[in-house]
């Protein structure tokens, strides 16, 4: 019996070995190792048993390019195909979440092991389709991250690798609420049952495995990397999942000609609440809208939320994760964002840009110093309000002043003027689309 040496490679210091090559933008690849684009179209294009694409700022993607056995008791994936006998065993520790430099997020993600060492167990359950392995830990409790780091990332990964739904979703950090909430959408990604790694007692064998998910930026899909898919295609997938007839269900056909505006309310005590909400709602009604207050809940039904927003004519929210509901709106709808002090770049990057990609009428209400609760705490002339960029100066924890401790009290004169502009566009949309 030959005693095999073992090499443990950290994902923070990925290096080449006889069994692993890390695809990066600066690595000279041989024709055998180079995918036609990064990452490979299919696992068979790469000859080495374990490979990774580490060329991206936000994620690493690991591939087991042949038969693999999952031992859930140790969260280990073993290669079970032929290996080079003179090569040492290879192992890597990896947390499959697409925020590779965010230690806080990764601390909430289970660590998996990928190894070429021989498994100690035989196959308990054998699958004929590859596994795609990811975590619902990290920031998945946040609605934005549920989509950007999870569902949209899964969509991007499947379409980038030409998997055509023939993949078995294998999930660590399993949450029952997540699986139940998104059950209908998850089964649009795969035709196979989803595996909860955390409660398995038997080993599973797959013909190959992809470990990790890909992202293209905040609510972004790069068509050059996804077989020409765009954010609009993901938007269409949501529509076909939650609106089976492919058309919106109008809630207003018997309610006259008033367009409906959904105000997404923050009511969680962690900042960015509208302090004069009653006044704001009164103004919304007085300019001509039918106003509905929507308060997102983690266990809320996606289908009901989708139909509410999809059947309305405008949505308004203070900057925050709930703005992600823009994915539920019809093309041409009005999306209003109340932008507190110090959140301009975040609002533009995370929500305005994807809203415009989706063809929404994005309308920003930028609050002034006197509308921020920070003015009372710091004084209107403090650098916190006058120059947020200088105050934060690249130190993200300082940004929590704007995200966690700031509330808004809308100036009703300014806000009414803004609402009238929103109403004109929403009414025009309603008259055209119903």
Protein backbone atom coordinates (compact mmCIF):
# COMPACT_ATOMS: atom_id res chain seq x y z
CA UNK A 1 0.00 0.00 0.00
CA UNK A 2 1.38 3.41 -0.98
CA UNK A 3 1.25 6.23 1.55
CA UNK A 4 0.17 9.39 -0.25
CA UNK A 5 1.36 12.85 0.68
CA UNK A 6 -1.28 15.56 1.11
CA UNK A 7 -1.26 19.21 0.06
CA UNK A 8 -3.74 21.57 1.72
CA UNK A 9 -4.35 24.71 -0.31
CA UNK A 10 -6.06 27.78 1.07
CA UNK A 11 -8.55 29.59 -1.13
CA UNK A 12 -6.81 32.82 -0.09
CA UNK A 13 -3.54 31.55 -1.58
CA UNK A 14 -4.67 29.43 -4.48
CA UNK A 15 -1.74 27.81 -6.31
CA UNK A 16 -1.12 25.31 -9.07
CA UNK A 17 -0.44 21.67 -8.41
CA UNK A 18 -0.68 18.46 -10.37
CA UNK A 19 -4.36 18.27 -9.44
CA UNK A 20 -5.42 21.90 -9.30
CA UNK A 21 -5.00 24.96 -11.45
CA UNK A 22 -6.46 28.29 -10.47
CA UNK A 23 -7.78 30.20 -13.48
CA UNK A 24 -6.88 33.87 -13.06
CA UNK A 25 -6.62 36.71 -15.49
CA UNK A 26 -2.82 36.75 -15.12
CA UNK A 27 -2.13 33.04 -15.45
CA UNK A 28 -0.70 31.71 -18.72
CA UNK A 29 -2.88 28.73 -19.55
CA UNK A 30 -2.13 25.81 -21.81
CA UNK A 31 -4.71 24.84 -24.42
CA UNK A 32 -5.60 21.81 -22.28
CA UNK A 33 -6.32 23.92 -19.20
CA UNK A 34 -7.84 27.03 -20.80
CA UNK A 35 -11.65 27.22 -20.96
CA UNK A 36 -13.21 28.84 -24.01
CA UNK A 37 -14.29 31.54 -21.57
CA UNK A 38 -13.98 31.80 -17.82
CA UNK A 39 -15.29 29.67 -16.20
CA UNK A 40 -15.55 26.58 -18.48
CA UNK A 41 -18.70 25.89 -20.48
CA UNK A 42 -18.69 22.36 -19.15
CA UNK A 43 -16.66 20.44 -16.65
CA UNK A 44 -15.36 18.05 -19.31
CA UNK A 45 -13.33 20.83 -20.95
CA UNK A 46 -10.80 20.71 -18.11
CA UNK A 47 -8.73 17.55 -17.59
CA UNK A 48 -7.57 18.03 -14.02
CA UNK A 49 -9.73 16.56 -11.25
CA UNK A 50 -10.09 19.76 -9.21
CA UNK A 51 -9.84 23.26 -10.67
CA UNK A 52 -10.89 26.73 -9.67
CA UNK A 53 -11.63 30.08 -11.23
CA UNK A 54 -10.22 32.66 -8.81
CA UNK A 55 -10.09 35.53 -11.29
CA UNK A 56 -13.02 37.54 -9.93
CA UNK A 57 -13.16 40.14 -7.19
CA UNK A 58 -16.37 38.85 -5.60
CA UNK A 59 -16.26 35.08 -5.90
CA UNK A 60 -14.22 31.95 -6.45
CA UNK A 61 -15.73 28.98 -8.26
CA UNK A 62 -14.43 25.47 -7.71
CA UNK A 63 -14.95 22.53 -10.07
CA UNK A 64 -14.67 18.81 -9.44
CA UNK A 65 -14.29 17.65 -13.02
CA UNK A 66 -15.29 14.02 -12.61
CA UNK A 67 -17.03 11.63 -10.25
CA UNK A 68 -17.29 12.95 -6.71
CA UNK A 69 -18.60 11.64 -3.42
CA UNK A 70 -20.15 13.90 -0.79
CA UNK A 71 -19.71 12.78 2.80
CA UNK A 72 -22.19 15.07 4.62
CA UNK A 73 -20.90 14.05 8.06
CA UNK A 74 -17.62 15.87 7.34
CA UNK A 75 -18.87 18.31 4.63
CA UNK A 76 -16.26 16.83 2.28
CA UNK A 77 -16.35 16.27 -1.48
CA UNK A 78 -13.99 13.50 -2.61
CA UNK A 79 -12.90 12.90 -6.19
CA UNK A 80 -13.54 9.27 -7.04
CA UNK A 81 -12.29 9.14 -10.62
CA UNK A 82 -8.78 8.09 -11.67
CA UNK A 83 -5.93 10.26 -10.31
CA UNK A 84 -2.24 10.55 -11.05
CA UNK A 85 -0.68 7.98 -8.72
CA UNK A 86 2.57 9.89 -8.27
CA UNK A 87 0.78 13.09 -7.26
CA UNK A 88 0.12 14.00 -3.64
CA UNK A 89 -3.43 14.22 -2.39
CA UNK A 90 -4.90 17.68 -2.72
CA UNK A 91 -7.40 19.36 -0.40
CA UNK A 92 -8.95 22.80 -0.22
CA UNK A 93 -11.13 24.45 2.40
CA UNK A 94 -13.81 26.68 0.89
CA UNK A 95 -16.89 28.64 2.00
CA UNK A 96 -19.29 28.69 -0.99
CA UNK A 97 -20.64 32.22 -0.85
CA UNK A 98 -20.06 34.93 -3.49
CA UNK A 99 -18.44 37.53 -1.21
CA UNK A 100 -14.96 36.13 -0.94
CA UNK A 101 -13.35 39.17 0.71
CA UNK A 102 -16.15 39.75 3.22
CA UNK A 103 -15.02 37.96 6.37
CA UNK A 104 -18.20 38.87 8.25
CA UNK A 105 -20.37 37.18 5.63
CA UNK A 106 -18.09 34.15 5.34
CA UNK A 107 -18.09 33.65 9.10
CA UNK A 108 -21.74 32.66 8.73
CA UNK A 109 -21.04 30.13 5.98
CA UNK A 110 -20.13 26.49 6.56
CA UNK A 111 -16.66 25.48 5.42
CA UNK A 112 -16.49 22.64 2.90
CA UNK A 113 -13.52 20.46 1.96
CA UNK A 114 -12.71 19.41 -1.61
CA UNK A 115 -10.09 16.69 -1.85
CA UNK A 116 -8.50 14.14 -4.15
CA UNK A 117 -7.87 11.84 -1.21
CA UNK A 118 -9.72 8.51 -1.47
CA UNK A 119 -13.06 8.45 0.36
CA UNK A 120 -13.59 6.12 3.28
CA UNK A 121 -17.20 5.43 2.34
CA UNK A 122 -18.96 4.07 -0.72
CA UNK A 123 -21.88 5.72 -2.51
CA UNK A 124 -25.12 5.71 -0.60
CA UNK A 125 -27.19 7.56 -3.21
CA UNK A 126 -26.01 7.88 -6.81
CA UNK A 127 -27.12 10.80 -8.99
CA UNK A 128 -26.83 11.09 -12.76
CA UNK A 129 -26.61 14.91 -12.82
CA UNK A 130 -23.90 17.28 -11.53
CA UNK A 131 -24.19 19.07 -8.20
CA UNK A 132 -24.11 22.81 -7.80
CA UNK A 133 -23.16 23.54 -4.20
CA UNK A 134 -23.86 26.81 -2.40
CA UNK A 135 -24.73 28.30 0.98
CA UNK A 136 -27.78 30.14 2.22
CA UNK A 137 -25.78 31.51 5.13
CA UNK A 138 -23.96 34.81 4.93
CA UNK A 139 -26.40 37.69 4.58
CA UNK A 140 -29.32 35.61 3.31
CA UNK A 141 -31.65 36.95 6.01
CA UNK A 142 -31.59 40.28 4.11
CA UNK A 143 -33.98 40.54 1.14
CA UNK A 144 -31.40 42.17 -1.14
CA UNK A 145 -28.87 39.43 -0.45
CA UNK A 146 -31.49 36.70 -0.88
CA UNK A 147 -31.56 37.76 -4.51
CA UNK A 148 -28.15 39.21 -5.33
CA UNK A 149 -26.02 36.66 -3.46
CA UNK A 150 -28.42 33.76 -3.88
CA UNK A 151 -31.21 33.51 -6.42
CA UNK A 152 -29.78 35.87 -9.05
CA UNK A 153 -26.30 34.40 -8.50
CA UNK A 154 -27.76 30.93 -9.05
CA UNK A 155 -29.44 32.12 -12.27
CA UNK A 156 -26.16 33.60 -13.50
CA UNK A 157 -24.16 30.47 -12.65
CA UNK A 158 -26.56 28.05 -14.33
CA UNK A 159 -26.77 30.16 -17.48
CA UNK A 160 -23.02 30.79 -17.61
CA UNK A 161 -22.25 27.07 -17.50
CA UNK A 162 -24.95 25.87 -19.94
CA UNK A 163 -26.45 23.52 -17.37
CA UNK A 164 -30.01 23.67 -18.75
CA UNK A 165 -31.66 22.78 -15.41
CA UNK A 166 -29.85 19.42 -15.37
CA UNK A 167 -28.20 20.17 -12.05
CA UNK A 168 -28.86 19.13 -8.47
CA UNK A 169 -28.95 22.03 -6.03
CA UNK A 170 -26.94 21.03 -2.98
CA UNK A 171 -27.34 23.51 -0.14
CA UNK A 172 -25.45 24.09 3.10
CA UNK A 173 -26.59 26.41 5.90
CA UNK A 174 -30.09 25.26 5.03
CA UNK A 175 -33.02 27.36 6.25
CA UNK A 176 -36.53 25.95 6.10
CA UNK A 177 -38.06 29.42 5.72
CA UNK A 178 -35.84 30.11 2.68
CA UNK A 179 -36.64 26.80 1.01
CA UNK A 180 -40.38 27.26 1.57
CA UNK A 181 -40.42 30.92 0.57
CA UNK A 182 -38.68 30.35 -2.77
CA UNK A 183 -39.80 26.79 -3.54
CA UNK A 184 -41.56 27.70 -6.80
CA UNK A 185 -38.62 29.71 -8.11
CA UNK A 186 -35.98 27.18 -7.05
CA UNK A 187 -37.69 24.49 -9.07
CA UNK A 188 -37.39 26.69 -12.15
CA UNK A 189 -33.61 26.24 -11.79
CA UNK A 190 -33.63 22.46 -11.52
CA UNK A 191 -35.82 19.51 -12.39
CA UNK A 192 -34.37 17.48 -9.51
CA UNK A 193 -35.14 17.45 -5.77
CA UNK A 194 -33.00 19.87 -3.76
CA UNK A 195 -30.51 18.37 -1.30
CA UNK A 196 -30.20 19.78 2.19
CA UNK A 197 -26.59 18.91 3.06
CA UNK A 198 -27.13 19.65 6.73
CA UNK A 199 -29.57 16.83 7.45
CA UNK A 200 -28.14 14.05 5.27
CA UNK A 201 -27.01 10.79 6.84
CA UNK A 202 -26.01 8.98 3.63
CA UNK A 203 -23.26 9.75 1.17
CA UNK A 204 -24.15 11.12 -2.28
CA UNK A 205 -22.29 10.55 -5.54
CA UNK A 206 -22.42 12.91 -8.52
CA UNK A 207 -20.79 12.76 -11.97
CA UNK A 208 -19.20 16.17 -11.21
CA UNK A 209 -19.70 19.23 -9.03
CA UNK A 210 -19.55 23.03 -9.11
CA UNK A 211 -18.94 24.59 -5.72
CA UNK A 212 -19.86 28.27 -5.31
CA UNK A 213 -21.92 30.85 -7.19
CA UNK A 214 -21.11 33.66 -9.60
CA UNK A 215 -22.16 37.30 -9.38
CA UNK A 216 -21.85 40.21 -11.82
CA UNK A 217 -22.36 43.10 -9.40
CA UNK A 218 -25.37 44.66 -7.66
CA UNK A 219 -28.52 43.21 -9.31
CA UNK A 220 -26.56 42.90 -12.55
CA UNK A 221 -26.38 40.25 -15.27
CA UNK A 222 -23.63 40.51 -17.91
CA UNK A 223 -25.03 39.14 -21.20
CA UNK A 224 -21.52 38.50 -22.57
CA UNK A 225 -21.01 35.87 -19.85
CA UNK A 226 -24.46 34.28 -19.70
CA UNK A 227 -25.38 33.18 -23.23
CA UNK A 228 -26.81 36.65 -23.87
CA UNK A 229 -29.09 36.52 -20.81
CA UNK A 230 -29.79 39.85 -19.10
CA UNK A 231 -31.53 41.12 -15.99
CA UNK A 232 -34.66 41.39 -18.13
CA UNK A 233 -34.55 37.62 -18.66
CA UNK A 234 -34.39 37.04 -14.91
CA UNK A 235 -37.28 39.51 -14.56
CA UNK A 236 -39.24 37.45 -17.11
CA UNK A 237 -38.48 34.28 -15.15
CA UNK A 238 -39.99 35.84 -12.03
CA UNK A 239 -43.06 36.86 -14.02
CA UNK A 240 -43.58 33.40 -15.47
CA UNK A 241 -43.12 31.87 -11.99
CA UNK A 242 -45.43 34.13 -10.00
CA UNK A 243 -47.86 35.28 -12.69
CA UNK A 244 -48.66 32.01 -14.52
CA UNK A 245 -50.62 33.60 -17.34
CA UNK A 246 -47.64 35.77 -18.16
CA UNK A 247 -49.72 38.88 -17.58
CA UNK A 248 -50.18 41.11 -14.57
CA UNK A 249 -53.32 40.71 -12.53
CA UNK A 250 -54.72 44.19 -12.12
CA UNK A 251 -56.25 44.86 -8.73
CA UNK A 252 -57.86 48.07 -9.92
CA UNK A 253 -60.19 47.22 -12.80
CA UNK A 254 -63.24 47.85 -10.67
CA UNK A 255 -61.79 50.65 -8.61
CA UNK A 256 -61.99 53.59 -10.97
CA UNK A 257 -59.15 55.53 -12.48
CA UNK A 258 -56.88 56.08 -9.48
CA UNK A 259 -53.39 54.65 -9.94
CA UNK A 260 -52.17 52.53 -7.06
CA UNK A 261 -48.98 53.38 -5.19
CA UNK A 262 -47.38 50.90 -2.79
CA UNK A 263 -45.38 52.54 -0.03
CA UNK A 264 -42.84 50.07 1.36
CA UNK A 265 -42.54 50.96 5.02
CA UNK A 266 -39.53 50.33 7.24
CA UNK A 267 -40.74 49.48 10.71
CA UNK A 268 -37.93 47.65 12.40
CA UNK A 269 -36.19 50.18 14.61
CA UNK A 270 -32.90 50.05 12.73
CA UNK A 271 -33.03 53.36 10.89
CA UNK A 272 -34.36 55.03 7.75
CA UNK A 273 -37.96 55.13 8.96
CA UNK A 274 -40.38 57.81 7.75
CA UNK A 275 -41.16 59.68 10.96
CA UNK A 276 -44.18 61.51 9.55
CA UNK A 277 -45.68 58.52 7.79
CA UNK A 278 -49.30 59.55 8.36
CA UNK A 279 -48.70 62.91 6.74
CA UNK A 280 -46.93 61.25 3.83
CA UNK A 281 -49.83 58.85 3.25
CA UNK A 282 -52.31 61.70 3.39
CA UNK A 283 -50.32 63.57 0.74
CA UNK A 284 -50.15 60.48 -1.46
CA UNK A 285 -53.92 60.10 -1.35
CA UNK A 286 -54.55 63.82 -1.91
CA UNK A 287 -52.50 63.98 -5.11
CA UNK A 288 -54.73 61.23 -6.54
CA UNK A 289 -53.21 57.86 -5.65
CA UNK A 290 -54.77 54.90 -3.95
CA UNK A 291 -52.12 54.26 -1.28
CA UNK A 292 -51.23 50.84 0.13
CA UNK A 293 -48.67 50.39 2.90
CA UNK A 294 -46.57 47.25 2.53
CA UNK A 295 -44.34 46.05 5.36
CA UNK A 296 -42.10 43.16 4.19
CA UNK A 297 -41.87 40.10 6.41
CA UNK A 298 -39.31 37.32 6.11
CA UNK A 299 -42.02 34.65 6.05
CA UNK A 300 -44.24 36.63 3.69
CA UNK A 301 -45.56 34.83 0.62
CA UNK A 302 -43.57 35.78 -2.47
CA UNK A 303 -46.50 35.19 -4.81
CA UNK A 304 -48.81 37.52 -2.88
CA UNK A 305 -46.15 40.24 -2.70
CA UNK A 306 -45.37 39.84 -6.38
CA UNK A 307 -48.99 40.17 -7.43
CA UNK A 308 -49.52 43.23 -5.22
CA UNK A 309 -46.56 45.09 -6.69
CA UNK A 310 -46.95 43.80 -10.24
CA UNK A 311 -50.58 44.90 -10.31
CA UNK A 312 -49.81 48.42 -9.05
CA UNK A 313 -48.55 51.49 -10.91
CA UNK A 314 -45.89 52.91 -8.58
CA UNK A 315 -43.72 51.79 -5.70
CA UNK A 316 -42.06 54.11 -3.20
CA UNK A 317 -39.51 53.22 -0.52
CA UNK A 318 -36.71 54.69 1.54
CA UNK A 319 -33.33 53.40 0.38
CA UNK A 320 -32.79 49.89 1.72
CA UNK A 321 -33.06 46.19 0.95
CA UNK A 322 -36.80 46.42 0.25
CA UNK A 323 -35.97 48.37 -2.90
CA UNK A 324 -35.04 44.96 -4.31
CA UNK A 325 -38.76 44.52 -4.92
CA UNK A 326 -38.11 46.49 -8.11
CA UNK A 327 -37.64 43.03 -9.63
CA UNK A 328 -41.39 42.48 -9.16
CA UNK A 329 -42.51 45.59 -11.06
CA UNK A 330 -43.83 45.76 -14.60
CA UNK A 331 -41.69 47.42 -17.26
CA UNK A 332 -42.67 51.10 -17.38
CA UNK A 333 -43.83 51.33 -13.77
CA UNK A 334 -42.70 54.19 -11.55
CA UNK A 335 -40.10 53.36 -8.90
CA UNK A 336 -39.58 56.08 -6.31
CA UNK A 337 -36.61 56.01 -3.96
CA UNK A 338 -36.29 58.31 -0.94
CA UNK A 339 -32.54 58.82 -0.62
CA UNK A 340 -31.29 59.80 2.85
CA UNK A 341 -28.11 61.78 3.51
CA UNK A 342 -24.97 59.76 2.77
CA UNK A 343 -26.61 57.09 0.62
CA UNK A 344 -26.38 58.66 -2.85
CA UNK A 345 -23.78 56.28 -4.28
CA UNK A 346 -25.50 53.25 -2.79
CA UNK A 347 -28.89 54.29 -4.18
CA UNK A 348 -27.50 54.86 -7.66
CA UNK A 349 -25.40 51.69 -7.78
CA UNK A 350 -27.72 49.18 -6.13
CA UNK A 351 -31.14 50.31 -7.34
CA UNK A 352 -31.17 53.14 -9.89
CA UNK A 353 -28.94 51.32 -12.37
CA UNK A 354 -30.86 48.00 -12.35
CA UNK A 355 -34.17 49.90 -12.39
CA UNK A 356 -33.16 51.62 -15.62
CA UNK A 357 -32.02 48.31 -17.11
CA UNK A 358 -35.52 46.96 -16.42
CA UNK A 359 -37.16 49.95 -18.09
CA UNK A 360 -38.65 51.39 -14.90
CA UNK A 361 -39.40 55.08 -14.41
CA UNK A 362 -36.92 55.70 -11.61
CA UNK A 363 -37.66 58.89 -9.63
CA UNK A 364 -35.42 59.95 -6.77
CA UNK A 365 -36.47 62.04 -3.79
CA UNK A 366 -33.20 63.27 -2.27
CA UNK A 367 -33.79 64.48 1.27
CA UNK A 368 -32.26 67.72 2.48
CA UNK A 369 -30.39 68.26 5.72
CA UNK A 370 -33.46 69.53 7.58
CA UNK A 371 -35.31 66.29 6.73
CA UNK A 372 -32.68 64.06 8.36
CA UNK A 373 -32.78 63.10 12.04
CA UNK A 374 -29.00 63.45 12.00
CA UNK A 375 -29.38 67.25 11.89
CA UNK A 376 -30.82 67.24 15.39
CA UNK A 377 -28.07 64.96 16.68
CA UNK A 378 -25.02 66.53 15.02
CA UNK A 379 -26.13 69.99 13.92
CA UNK A 380 -26.92 71.04 10.36
CA UNK A 381 -23.38 72.28 9.68
CA UNK A 382 -21.54 69.18 10.92
CA UNK A 383 -19.35 67.30 8.42
CA UNK A 384 -21.62 64.26 8.93
CA UNK A 385 -24.34 66.09 6.99
CA UNK A 386 -22.35 68.53 4.89
CA UNK A 387 -19.78 66.09 3.51
CA UNK A 388 -20.64 62.41 4.10
CA UNK A 389 -17.88 61.25 1.75
CA UNK A 390 -15.23 63.05 3.78
CA UNK A 391 -16.71 61.76 7.03
CA UNK A 392 -16.75 58.12 5.95
CA UNK A 393 -13.44 58.36 4.03
CA UNK A 394 -13.55 54.71 3.00
CA UNK A 395 -14.22 53.47 6.55
CA UNK A 396 -17.39 51.39 6.06
CA UNK A 397 -18.31 51.17 9.78
CA UNK A 398 -18.72 54.96 9.76
CA UNK A 399 -21.38 54.59 7.07
CA UNK A 400 -23.60 52.95 9.68
CA UNK A 401 -24.32 56.47 10.93
CA UNK A 402 -26.36 56.97 7.75
CA UNK A 403 -27.72 53.43 7.44
CA UNK A 404 -28.57 52.53 11.04
CA UNK A 405 -29.17 55.74 13.00
CA UNK A 406 -30.76 58.05 10.42
CA UNK A 407 -34.52 58.53 10.04
CA UNK A 408 -36.32 60.93 7.73
CA UNK A 409 -39.05 63.51 8.30
CA UNK A 410 -40.29 64.51 4.89
CA UNK A 411 -40.77 68.17 4.01
CA UNK A 412 -44.42 68.07 2.92
CA UNK A 413 -44.06 71.00 0.50
CA UNK A 414 -41.18 69.38 -1.34
CA UNK A 415 -42.67 65.90 -1.06
CA UNK A 416 -46.04 66.96 -2.52
CA UNK A 417 -44.29 68.50 -5.50
CA UNK A 418 -42.39 65.24 -6.02
CA UNK A 419 -45.58 63.18 -5.66
CA UNK A 420 -47.33 65.20 -8.35
CA UNK A 421 -44.55 64.30 -10.79
CA UNK A 422 -44.78 60.66 -9.79
CA UNK A 423 -48.55 60.75 -10.24
CA UNK A 424 -48.35 62.08 -13.80
CA UNK A 425 -46.10 59.20 -14.85
CA UNK A 426 -48.04 56.57 -12.92
CA UNK A 427 -51.35 57.75 -14.40
CA UNK A 428 -49.87 57.66 -17.88
CA UNK A 429 -48.65 54.10 -17.24
CA UNK A 430 -52.06 53.03 -15.90
CA UNK A 431 -53.89 54.49 -18.91
CA UNK A 432 -51.58 52.61 -21.25
CA UNK A 433 -51.10 49.27 -19.47
CA UNK A 434 -54.07 49.00 -17.08
